[in-house]
Amino acid sequence: MTPALVGDALVRLRRANGQLSGVIRAIEQGEDCAAVLTQLAAVSRALDRAGFKIVASGMRHCQAARDRGEEPPMTEAELEKLFLSLA
């Protein structure tokens, strides 16, 4: 896995990292429960989307390898298992 392969997922993960830091600060400062949970839900969605983006990138990478006549680094079954682990 390289930054070039996952592309936008890395950006999403960095953003989620910042959001999670904000959630932790909000809890430590005793902020409103609803606001904390709203931000926590946003972090969760960002992580889910990053995971799906990584799987999608892996699918494209494996298909490109097949198109070049190479053995892909992962089988379709392995990719499916990773995808389902996110669901």
Protein backbone atom coordinates (compact mmCIF):
# COMPACT_ATOMS: atom_id res chain seq x y z
CA MET A 1 0.00 0.00 0.00
CA THR A 2 1.36 3.36 -1.03
CA PRO A 3 0.04 6.91 -0.67
CA ALA A 4 -0.28 7.07 -4.46
CA LEU A 5 -2.46 3.95 -4.47
CA VAL A 6 -4.88 5.07 -1.76
CA GLY A 7 -4.86 8.75 -2.75
CA ASP A 8 -7.97 10.43 -1.39
CA ALA A 9 -8.33 7.88 1.42
CA LEU A 10 -5.19 9.25 3.07
CA VAL A 11 -6.64 12.77 2.96
CA ARG A 12 -9.85 11.45 4.51
CA LEU A 13 -7.92 9.67 7.26
CA ARG A 14 -5.95 12.80 8.13
CA ARG A 15 -9.19 14.76 8.31
CA ALA A 16 -10.78 12.09 10.52
CA ASN A 17 -7.74 12.19 12.76
CA GLY A 18 -8.27 15.92 13.29
CA GLN A 19 -11.98 15.40 13.90
CA LEU A 20 -11.26 12.68 16.46
CA SER A 21 -8.87 14.99 18.29
CA GLY A 22 -11.69 17.53 18.39
CA VAL A 23 -14.09 14.95 19.83
CA ILE A 24 -11.59 14.04 22.54
CA ARG A 25 -11.09 17.72 23.43
CA ALA A 26 -14.84 18.28 23.50
CA ILE A 27 -15.32 15.40 25.93
CA GLU A 28 -12.42 16.58 28.11
CA GLN A 29 -13.93 20.08 28.20
CA GLY A 30 -17.36 18.74 29.12
CA GLU A 31 -19.12 19.97 26.00
CA ASP A 32 -22.71 19.14 25.10
CA CYS A 33 -23.41 15.43 24.58
CA ALA A 34 -25.36 15.94 21.35
CA ALA A 35 -22.56 18.00 19.79
CA VAL A 36 -19.95 15.40 20.80
CA LEU A 37 -22.02 12.55 19.35
CA THR A 38 -22.63 14.47 16.13
CA GLN A 39 -18.89 14.93 15.69
CA LEU A 40 -18.22 11.31 16.62
CA ALA A 41 -20.69 10.19 13.95
CA ALA A 42 -18.84 12.35 11.41
CA VAL A 43 -15.54 10.70 12.37
CA SER A 44 -17.12 7.27 12.00
CA ARG A 45 -18.46 8.11 8.53
CA ALA A 46 -15.08 9.51 7.49
CA LEU A 47 -13.33 6.31 8.57
CA ASP A 48 -15.90 4.16 6.77
CA ARG A 49 -15.50 6.17 3.57
CA ALA A 50 -11.72 5.97 3.77
CA GLY A 51 -11.94 2.20 4.15
CA PHE A 52 -14.26 1.86 1.17
CA LYS A 53 -11.98 4.13 -0.85
CA ILE A 54 -8.99 1.90 -0.04
CA VAL A 55 -10.90 -1.22 -1.11
CA ALA A 56 -12.01 0.50 -4.32
CA SER A 57 -8.42 1.53 -5.03
CA GLY A 58 -7.31 -2.04 -4.43
CA MET A 59 -9.93 -3.30 -6.87
CA ARG A 60 -8.72 -0.87 -9.54
CA HIS A 61 -5.09 -1.80 -8.86
CA CYS A 62 -5.83 -5.53 -9.15
CA GLN A 63 -7.84 -5.04 -12.34
CA ALA A 64 -5.02 -3.01 -13.88
CA ALA A 65 -2.60 -5.84 -13.06
CA ARG A 66 -4.95 -8.35 -14.74
CA ASP A 67 -5.24 -6.08 -17.79
CA ARG A 68 -1.44 -6.08 -18.08
CA GLY A 69 -1.44 -9.88 -17.88
CA GLU A 70 0.09 -9.88 -14.41
CA GLU A 71 -1.01 -11.74 -11.31
CA PRO A 72 -2.90 -9.26 -9.09
CA PRO A 73 -1.65 -8.84 -5.51
CA MET A 74 -5.04 -9.94 -4.14
CA THR A 75 -7.78 -12.26 -5.30
CA GLU A 76 -11.37 -11.15 -5.75
CA ALA A 77 -12.29 -13.26 -2.71
CA GLU A 78 -9.69 -11.46 -0.58
CA LEU A 79 -10.96 -8.08 -1.72
CA GLU A 80 -14.54 -9.12 -1.04
CA LYS A 81 -13.59 -10.24 2.46
CA LEU A 82 -11.96 -6.87 3.14
CA PHE A 83 -14.98 -5.03 1.78
CA LEU A 84 -17.36 -7.04 3.96
CA SER A 85 -15.21 -6.42 7.03
CA LEU A 86 -16.12 -2.74 6.65
CA ALA A 87 -19.85 -3.33 6.31
